[in-house]
Amino acid sequence: MKKITAEDLENAAWLATLQVPRTPDKVPPGWFTVLELAEKIKKSREQTSSLVSAAFKRGELQKKTFRVMTGRGPFPVPHYKRVK
């Protein structure tokens, strides 16, 4: 049986720190991705992206990144919410 060294423990601690959590975030109501907004306002993704970018620059939107499930696991995706 191999003896565990301090270096092994240090490497394991680094690995635990650097690993991305495998669970997605729960996105609160009112937060939408660009794709969701495009469907909602019936515009293309590209046009919606431009509109969202301009509204964000004007301070009319908040931006927050949530981990959502994709085919490869949880992936960070920006979501937007109107500023009240």
PDB file of N, CA and C in Angstrom:
ATOM      1  N   MET A   1       0.843  -1.182   0.000  1.00  0.00           N
ATOM      2  CA  MET A   1       0.000   0.000   0.000  1.00  0.00           C
ATOM      3  C   MET A   1       0.887   1.243   0.000  1.00  0.00           C
ATOM      4  N   LYS A   2       0.527   2.222  -0.845  1.00  0.00           N
ATOM      5  CA  LYS A   2       1.322   3.443  -0.979  1.00  0.00           C
ATOM      6  C   LYS A   2       1.042   4.370   0.198  1.00  0.00           C
ATOM      7  N   LYS A   3       2.099   4.969   0.694  1.00  0.00           N
ATOM      8  CA  LYS A   3       1.983   5.933   1.785  1.00  0.00           C
ATOM      9  C   LYS A   3       1.599   7.300   1.202  1.00  0.00           C
ATOM     10  N   ILE A   4       0.616   7.970   1.802  1.00  0.00           N
ATOM     11  CA  ILE A   4       0.175   9.287   1.340  1.00  0.00           C
ATOM     12  C   ILE A   4       1.116  10.341   1.898  1.00  0.00           C
ATOM     13  N   THR A   5       1.620  11.178   1.001  1.00  0.00           N
ATOM     14  CA  THR A   5       2.566  12.209   1.404  1.00  0.00           C
ATOM     15  C   THR A   5       1.869  13.563   1.506  1.00  0.00           C
ATOM     16  N   ALA A   6       2.569  14.528   2.098  1.00  0.00           N
ATOM     17  CA  ALA A   6       2.052  15.889   2.181  1.00  0.00           C
ATOM     18  C   ALA A   6       1.860  16.459   0.779  1.00  0.00           C
ATOM     19  N   GLU A   7       2.738  16.090  -0.149  1.00  0.00           N
ATOM     20  CA  GLU A   7       2.606  16.559  -1.531  1.00  0.00           C
ATOM     21  C   GLU A   7       1.336  16.010  -2.172  1.00  0.00           C
ATOM     22  N   ASP A   8       1.011  14.740  -1.895  1.00  0.00           N
ATOM     23  CA  ASP A   8      -0.226  14.152  -2.411  1.00  0.00           C
ATOM     24  C   ASP A   8      -1.442  14.925  -1.896  1.00  0.00           C
ATOM     25  N   LEU A   9      -1.418  15.271  -0.625  1.00  0.00           N
ATOM     26  CA  LEU A   9      -2.532  16.015  -0.034  1.00  0.00           C
ATOM     27  C   LEU A   9      -2.629  17.417  -0.629  1.00  0.00           C
ATOM     28  N   GLU A  10      -1.491  18.062  -0.841  1.00  0.00           N
ATOM     29  CA  GLU A  10      -1.468  19.398  -1.440  1.00  0.00           C
ATOM     30  C   GLU A  10      -2.020  19.359  -2.864  1.00  0.00           C
ATOM     31  N   ASN A  11      -1.607  18.352  -3.637  1.00  0.00           N
ATOM     32  CA  ASN A  11      -2.096  18.209  -5.011  1.00  0.00           C
ATOM     33  C   ASN A  11      -3.602  17.950  -5.029  1.00  0.00           C
ATOM     34  N   ALA A  12      -4.088  17.145  -4.116  1.00  0.00           N
ATOM     35  CA  ALA A  12      -5.524  16.863  -4.026  1.00  0.00           C
ATOM     36  C   ALA A  12      -6.292  18.129  -3.661  1.00  0.00           C
ATOM     37  N   ALA A  13      -5.729  18.954  -2.782  1.00  0.00           N
ATOM     38  CA  ALA A  13      -6.380  20.209  -2.399  1.00  0.00           C
ATOM     39  C   ALA A  13      -6.459  21.150  -3.599  1.00  0.00           C
ATOM     40  N   TRP A  14      -5.383  21.228  -4.385  1.00  0.00           N
ATOM     41  CA  TRP A  14      -5.402  22.064  -5.584  1.00  0.00           C
ATOM     42  C   TRP A  14      -6.460  21.569  -6.571  1.00  0.00           C
ATOM     43  N   LEU A  15      -6.506  20.272  -6.776  1.00  0.00           N
ATOM     44  CA  LEU A  15      -7.471  19.704  -7.713  1.00  0.00           C
ATOM     45  C   LEU A  15      -8.897  20.018  -7.270  1.00  0.00           C
ATOM     46  N   ALA A  16      -9.190  19.883  -5.989  1.00  0.00           N
ATOM     47  CA  ALA A  16     -10.529  20.173  -5.468  1.00  0.00           C
ATOM     48  C   ALA A  16     -10.877  21.651  -5.664  1.00  0.00           C
ATOM     49  N   THR A  17      -9.901  22.516  -5.500  1.00  0.00           N
ATOM     50  CA  THR A  17     -10.130  23.951  -5.663  1.00  0.00           C
ATOM     51  C   THR A  17     -10.396  24.316  -7.120  1.00  0.00           C
ATOM     52  N   LEU A  18      -9.683  23.683  -8.040  1.00  0.00           N
ATOM     53  CA  LEU A  18      -9.774  24.045  -9.453  1.00  0.00           C
ATOM     54  C   LEU A  18     -10.924  23.384 -10.198  1.00  0.00           C
ATOM     55  N   GLN A  19     -11.480  22.313  -9.660  1.00  0.00           N
ATOM     56  CA  GLN A  19     -12.557  21.623 -10.355  1.00  0.00           C
ATOM     57  C   GLN A  19     -13.828  22.458 -10.366  1.00  0.00           C
ATOM     58  N   VAL A  20     -14.494  22.446 -11.492  1.00  0.00           N
ATOM     59  CA  VAL A  20     -15.765  23.145 -11.643  1.00  0.00           C
ATOM     60  C   VAL A  20     -16.863  22.286 -11.015  1.00  0.00           C
ATOM     61  N   PRO A  21     -17.728  22.890 -10.211  1.00  0.00           N
ATOM     62  CA  PRO A  21     -18.824  22.108  -9.645  1.00  0.00           C
ATOM     63  C   PRO A  21     -19.653  21.468 -10.757  1.00  0.00           C
ATOM     64  N   ARG A  22     -20.085  20.246 -10.554  1.00  0.00           N
ATOM     65  CA  ARG A  22     -20.812  19.500 -11.575  1.00  0.00           C
ATOM     66  C   ARG A  22     -22.319  19.742 -11.524  1.00  0.00           C
ATOM     67  N   THR A  23     -22.765  20.572 -10.606  1.00  0.00           N
ATOM     68  CA  THR A  23     -24.197  20.823 -10.506  1.00  0.00           C
ATOM     69  C   THR A  23     -24.518  22.199 -11.090  1.00  0.00           C
ATOM     70  N   PRO A  24     -25.619  22.288 -11.825  1.00  0.00           N
ATOM     71  CA  PRO A  24     -25.996  23.595 -12.383  1.00  0.00           C
ATOM     72  C   PRO A  24     -26.569  24.497 -11.300  1.00  0.00           C
ATOM     73  N   ASP A  25     -26.548  25.798 -11.563  1.00  0.00           N
ATOM     74  CA  ASP A  25     -27.163  26.769 -10.658  1.00  0.00           C
ATOM     75  C   ASP A  25     -28.669  26.781 -10.889  1.00  0.00           C
ATOM     76  N   LYS A  26     -29.401  27.174  -9.870  1.00  0.00           N
ATOM     77  CA  LYS A  26     -30.830  27.399 -10.028  1.00  0.00           C
ATOM     78  C   LYS A  26     -30.984  28.863 -10.449  1.00  0.00           C
ATOM     79  N   VAL A  27     -31.485  29.065 -11.656  1.00  0.00           N
ATOM     80  CA  VAL A  27     -31.643  30.426 -12.180  1.00  0.00           C
ATOM     81  C   VAL A  27     -32.939  31.007 -11.617  1.00  0.00           C
ATOM     82  N   PRO A  28     -32.842  32.122 -10.894  1.00  0.00           N
ATOM     83  CA  PRO A  28     -34.048  32.727 -10.324  1.00  0.00           C
ATOM     84  C   PRO A  28     -34.981  33.271 -11.409  1.00  0.00           C
ATOM     85  N   PRO A  29     -36.257  33.396 -11.092  1.00  0.00           N
ATOM     86  CA  PRO A  29     -37.193  33.969 -12.060  1.00  0.00           C
ATOM     87  C   PRO A  29     -36.766  35.389 -12.461  1.00  0.00           C
ATOM     88  N   GLY A  30     -37.023  35.720 -13.719  1.00  0.00           N
ATOM     89  CA  GLY A  30     -36.714  37.062 -14.203  1.00  0.00           C
ATOM     90  C   GLY A  30     -35.371  37.192 -14.886  1.00  0.00           C
ATOM     91  N   TRP A  31     -34.530  36.149 -14.838  1.00  0.00           N
ATOM     92  CA  TRP A  31     -33.223  36.162 -15.496  1.00  0.00           C
ATOM     93  C   TRP A  31     -33.332  35.364 -16.787  1.00  0.00           C
ATOM     94  N   PHE A  32     -32.823  35.929 -17.909  1.00  0.00           N
ATOM     95  CA  PHE A  32     -32.957  35.293 -19.208  1.00  0.00           C
ATOM     96  C   PHE A  32     -31.638  35.326 -19.974  1.00  0.00           C
ATOM     97  N   THR A  33     -31.405  34.289 -20.786  1.00  0.00           N
ATOM     98  CA  THR A  33     -30.259  34.275 -21.694  1.00  0.00           C
ATOM     99  C   THR A  33     -30.631  35.069 -22.940  1.00  0.00           C
ATOM    100  N   VAL A  34     -29.643  35.372 -23.761  1.00  0.00           N
ATOM    101  CA  VAL A  34     -29.904  36.076 -25.020  1.00  0.00           C
ATOM    102  C   VAL A  34     -30.839  35.231 -25.895  1.00  0.00           C
ATOM    103  N   LEU A  35     -30.614  33.912 -25.927  1.00  0.00           N
ATOM    104  CA  LEU A  35     -31.469  33.049 -26.747  1.00  0.00           C
ATOM    105  C   LEU A  35     -32.914  33.064 -26.257  1.00  0.00           C
ATOM    106  N   GLU A  36     -33.110  33.036 -24.943  1.00  0.00           N
ATOM    107  CA  GLU A  36     -34.464  33.093 -24.392  1.00  0.00           C
ATOM    108  C   GLU A  36     -35.131  34.428 -24.720  1.00  0.00           C
ATOM    109  N   LEU A  37     -34.358  35.506 -24.619  1.00  0.00           N
ATOM    110  CA  LEU A  37     -34.907  36.824 -24.947  1.00  0.00           C
ATOM    111  C   LEU A  37     -35.239  36.929 -26.432  1.00  0.00           C
ATOM    112  N   ALA A  38     -34.419  36.340 -27.292  1.00  0.00           N
ATOM    113  CA  ALA A  38     -34.673  36.367 -28.731  1.00  0.00           C
ATOM    114  C   ALA A  38     -36.010  35.697 -29.047  1.00  0.00           C
ATOM    115  N   GLU A  39     -36.256  34.563 -28.407  1.00  0.00           N
ATOM    116  CA  GLU A  39     -37.537  33.879 -28.605  1.00  0.00           C
ATOM    117  C   GLU A  39     -38.690  34.733 -28.076  1.00  0.00           C
ATOM    118  N   LYS A  40     -38.473  35.349 -26.932  1.00  0.00           N
ATOM    119  CA  LYS A  40     -39.509  36.150 -26.273  1.00  0.00           C
ATOM    120  C   LYS A  40     -39.914  37.366 -27.124  1.00  0.00           C
ATOM    121  N   ILE A  41     -38.923  38.052 -27.711  1.00  0.00           N
ATOM    122  CA  ILE A  41     -39.228  39.267 -28.477  1.00  0.00           C
ATOM    123  C   ILE A  41     -39.305  39.006 -29.987  1.00  0.00           C
ATOM    124  N   LYS A  42     -39.134  37.739 -30.369  1.00  0.00           N
ATOM    125  CA  LYS A  42     -39.241  37.317 -31.769  1.00  0.00           C
ATOM    126  C   LYS A  42     -38.264  38.053 -32.689  1.00  0.00           C
ATOM    127  N   LYS A  43     -37.009  38.091 -32.263  1.00  0.00           N
ATOM    128  CA  LYS A  43     -35.919  38.665 -33.056  1.00  0.00           C
ATOM    129  C   LYS A  43     -34.829  37.603 -33.199  1.00  0.00           C
ATOM    130  N   SER A  44     -33.885  37.822 -34.103  1.00  0.00           N
ATOM    131  CA  SER A  44     -32.769  36.879 -34.260  1.00  0.00           C
ATOM    132  C   SER A  44     -31.848  36.975 -33.043  1.00  0.00           C
ATOM    133  N   ARG A  45     -31.033  35.950 -32.873  1.00  0.00           N
ATOM    134  CA  ARG A  45     -30.072  35.942 -31.771  1.00  0.00           C
ATOM    135  C   ARG A  45     -29.096  37.103 -31.910  1.00  0.00           C
ATOM    136  N   GLU A  46     -28.651  37.364 -33.132  1.00  0.00           N
ATOM    137  CA  GLU A  46     -27.695  38.433 -33.370  1.00  0.00           C
ATOM    138  C   GLU A  46     -28.290  39.798 -33.041  1.00  0.00           C
ATOM    139  N   GLN A  47     -29.511  40.040 -33.518  1.00  0.00           N
ATOM    140  CA  GLN A  47     -30.156  41.323 -33.252  1.00  0.00           C
ATOM    141  C   GLN A  47     -30.433  41.492 -31.756  1.00  0.00           C
ATOM    142  N   THR A  48     -30.881  40.419 -31.115  1.00  0.00           N
ATOM    143  CA  THR A  48     -31.152  40.474 -29.673  1.00  0.00           C
ATOM    144  C   THR A  48     -29.871  40.728 -28.898  1.00  0.00           C
ATOM    145  N   SER A  49     -28.786  40.101 -29.318  1.00  0.00           N
ATOM    146  CA  SER A  49     -27.503  40.309 -28.652  1.00  0.00           C
ATOM    147  C   SER A  49     -27.094  41.778 -28.713  1.00  0.00           C
ATOM    148  N   SER A  50     -27.281  42.418 -29.861  1.00  0.00           N
ATOM    149  CA  SER A  50     -26.967  43.846 -29.998  1.00  0.00           C
ATOM    150  C   SER A  50     -27.861  44.697 -29.105  1.00  0.00           C
ATOM    151  N   LEU A  51     -29.145  44.381 -29.071  1.00  0.00           N
ATOM    152  CA  LEU A  51     -30.082  45.135 -28.238  1.00  0.00           C
ATOM    153  C   LEU A  51     -29.749  44.978 -26.753  1.00  0.00           C
ATOM    154  N   VAL A  52     -29.418  43.760 -26.341  1.00  0.00           N
ATOM    155  CA  VAL A  52     -29.067  43.485 -24.947  1.00  0.00           C
ATOM    156  C   VAL A  52     -27.788  44.222 -24.574  1.00  0.00           C
ATOM    157  N   SER A  53     -26.798  44.183 -25.446  1.00  0.00           N
ATOM    158  CA  SER A  53     -25.526  44.863 -25.185  1.00  0.00           C
ATOM    159  C   SER A  53     -25.740  46.359 -24.993  1.00  0.00           C
ATOM    160  N   ALA A  54     -26.549  46.964 -25.847  1.00  0.00           N
ATOM    161  CA  ALA A  54     -26.810  48.404 -25.747  1.00  0.00           C
ATOM    162  C   ALA A  54     -27.570  48.728 -24.457  1.00  0.00           C
ATOM    163  N   ALA A  55     -28.568  47.922 -24.120  1.00  0.00           N
ATOM    164  CA  ALA A  55     -29.344  48.152 -22.894  1.00  0.00           C
ATOM    165  C   ALA A  55     -28.476  47.972 -21.654  1.00  0.00           C
ATOM    166  N   PHE A  56     -27.547  47.012 -21.703  1.00  0.00           N
ATOM    167  CA  PHE A  56     -26.634  46.791 -20.575  1.00  0.00           C
ATOM    168  C   PHE A  56     -25.719  48.003 -20.402  1.00  0.00           C
ATOM    169  N   LYS A  57     -25.200  48.539 -21.504  1.00  0.00           N
ATOM    170  CA  LYS A  57     -24.327  49.713 -21.446  1.00  0.00           C
ATOM    171  C   LYS A  57     -25.055  50.950 -20.913  1.00  0.00           C
ATOM    172  N   ARG A  58     -26.351  51.041 -21.184  1.00  0.00           N
ATOM    173  CA  ARG A  58     -27.155  52.158 -20.677  1.00  0.00           C
ATOM    174  C   ARG A  58     -27.550  51.959 -19.214  1.00  0.00           C
ATOM    175  N   GLY A  59     -27.223  50.801 -18.649  1.00  0.00           N
ATOM    176  CA  GLY A  59     -27.555  50.529 -17.249  1.00  0.00           C
ATOM    177  C   GLY A  59     -28.974  50.047 -17.029  1.00  0.00           C
ATOM    178  N   GLU A  60     -29.630  49.604 -18.095  1.00  0.00           N
ATOM    179  CA  GLU A  60     -31.013  49.157 -17.991  1.00  0.00           C
ATOM    180  C   GLU A  60     -31.136  47.667 -17.677  1.00  0.00           C
ATOM    181  N   LEU A  61     -30.016  46.938 -17.762  1.00  0.00           N
ATOM    182  CA  LEU A  61     -30.008  45.501 -17.484  1.00  0.00           C
ATOM    183  C   LEU A  61     -28.917  45.160 -16.485  1.00  0.00           C
ATOM    184  N   GLN A  62     -29.185  44.165 -15.666  1.00  0.00           N
ATOM    185  CA  GLN A  62     -28.170  43.545 -14.813  1.00  0.00           C
ATOM    186  C   GLN A  62     -27.688  42.299 -15.538  1.00  0.00           C
ATOM    187  N   LYS A  63     -26.447  41.923 -15.303  1.00  0.00           N
ATOM    188  CA  LYS A  63     -25.885  40.733 -15.928  1.00  0.00           C
ATOM    189  C   LYS A  63     -25.305  39.843 -14.838  1.00  0.00           C
ATOM    190  N   LYS A  64     -25.598  38.556 -14.917  1.00  0.00           N
ATOM    191  CA  LYS A  64     -25.061  37.590 -13.963  1.00  0.00           C
ATOM    192  C   LYS A  64     -24.867  36.269 -14.696  1.00  0.00           C
ATOM    193  N   THR A  65     -23.790  35.583 -14.388  1.00  0.00           N
ATOM    194  CA  THR A  65     -23.512  34.305 -15.034  1.00  0.00           C
ATOM    195  C   THR A  65     -23.952  33.166 -14.135  1.00  0.00           C
ATOM    196  N   PHE A  66     -24.734  32.250 -14.719  1.00  0.00           N
ATOM    197  CA  PHE A  66     -25.183  31.043 -14.021  1.00  0.00           C
ATOM    198  C   PHE A  66     -24.656  29.832 -14.775  1.00  0.00           C
ATOM    199  N   ARG A  67     -24.365  28.757 -14.030  1.00  0.00           N
ATOM    200  CA  ARG A  67     -23.978  27.488 -14.661  1.00  0.00           C
ATOM    201  C   ARG A  67     -25.265  26.760 -15.051  1.00  0.00           C
ATOM    202  N   VAL A  68     -25.428  26.472 -16.353  1.00  0.00           N
ATOM    203  CA  VAL A  68     -26.589  25.738 -16.833  1.00  0.00           C
ATOM    204  C   VAL A  68     -26.125  24.452 -17.502  1.00  0.00           C
ATOM    205  N   MET A  69     -26.994  23.459 -17.543  1.00  0.00           N
ATOM    206  CA  MET A  69     -26.630  22.164 -18.114  1.00  0.00           C
ATOM    207  C   MET A  69     -26.571  22.242 -19.641  1.00  0.00           C
ATOM    208  N   THR A  70     -25.510  21.674 -20.182  1.00  0.00           N
ATOM    209  CA  THR A  70     -25.361  21.513 -21.627  1.00  0.00           C
ATOM    210  C   THR A  70     -25.039  20.045 -21.855  1.00  0.00           C
ATOM    211  N   GLY A  71     -24.805  19.674 -23.072  1.00  0.00           N
ATOM    212  CA  GLY A  71     -24.443  18.293 -23.375  1.00  0.00           C
ATOM    213  C   GLY A  71     -23.132  17.878 -22.733  1.00  0.00           C
ATOM    214  N   ARG A  72     -22.290  18.856 -22.403  1.00  0.00           N
ATOM    215  CA  ARG A  72     -20.980  18.562 -21.788  1.00  0.00           C
ATOM    216  C   ARG A  72     -20.986  18.793 -20.290  1.00  0.00           C
ATOM    217  N   GLY A  73     -22.130  19.068 -19.716  1.00  0.00           N
ATOM    218  CA  GLY A  73     -22.207  19.324 -18.277  1.00  0.00           C
ATOM    219  C   GLY A  73     -22.507  20.790 -18.024  1.00  0.00           C
ATOM    220  N   PRO A  74     -22.377  21.224 -16.772  1.00  0.00           N
ATOM    221  CA  PRO A  74     -22.670  22.625 -16.448  1.00  0.00           C
ATOM    222  C   PRO A  74     -21.709  23.572 -17.168  1.00  0.00           C
ATOM    223  N   PHE A  75     -22.250  24.646 -17.714  1.00  0.00           N
ATOM    224  CA  PHE A  75     -21.452  25.600 -18.476  1.00  0.00           C
ATOM    225  C   PHE A  75     -21.888  27.006 -18.090  1.00  0.00           C
ATOM    226  N   PRO A  76     -20.950  27.941 -17.864  1.00  0.00           N
ATOM    227  CA  PRO A  76     -21.338  29.304 -17.483  1.00  0.00           C
ATOM    228  C   PRO A  76     -21.991  30.056 -18.646  1.00  0.00           C
ATOM    229  N   VAL A  77     -23.177  30.597 -18.401  1.00  0.00           N
ATOM    230  CA  VAL A  77     -23.930  31.314 -19.429  1.00  0.00           C
ATOM    231  C   VAL A  77     -24.418  32.632 -18.834  1.00  0.00           C
ATOM    232  N   PRO A  78     -24.162  33.769 -19.509  1.00  0.00           N
ATOM    233  CA  PRO A  78     -24.652  35.050 -19.000  1.00  0.00           C
ATOM    234  C   PRO A  78     -26.186  35.122 -19.095  1.00  0.00           C
ATOM    235  N   HIS A  79     -26.778  35.673 -18.048  1.00  0.00           N
ATOM    236  CA  HIS A  79     -28.214  35.914 -17.993  1.00  0.00           C
ATOM    237  C   HIS A  79     -28.426  37.403 -17.701  1.00  0.00           C
ATOM    238  N   TYR A  80     -29.573  37.915 -18.123  1.00  0.00           N
ATOM    239  CA  TYR A  80     -29.865  39.333 -17.965  1.00  0.00           C
ATOM    240  C   TYR A  80     -31.216  39.520 -17.303  1.00  0.00           C
ATOM    241  N   LYS A  81     -31.299  40.613 -16.547  1.00  0.00           N
ATOM    242  CA  LYS A  81     -32.524  40.963 -15.849  1.00  0.00           C
ATOM    243  C   LYS A  81     -32.707  42.473 -15.958  1.00  0.00           C
ATOM    244  N   ARG A  82     -33.945  42.908 -16.161  1.00  0.00           N
ATOM    245  CA  ARG A  82     -34.202  44.344 -16.232  1.00  0.00           C
ATOM    246  C   ARG A  82     -33.980  44.988 -14.878  1.00  0.00           C
ATOM    247  N   VAL A  83     -33.404  46.189 -14.884  1.00  0.00           N
ATOM    248  CA  VAL A  83     -33.233  46.970 -13.674  1.00  0.00           C
ATOM    249  C   VAL A  83     -34.546  47.696 -13.453  1.00  0.00           C
ATOM    250  N   LYS A  84     -35.045  47.636 -12.263  1.00  0.00           N
ATOM    251  CA  LYS A  84     -36.351  48.266 -11.986  1.00  0.00           C
ATOM    252  C   LYS A  84     -36.205  49.697 -11.617  1.00  0.00           C
TER     253      LYS A  84
END
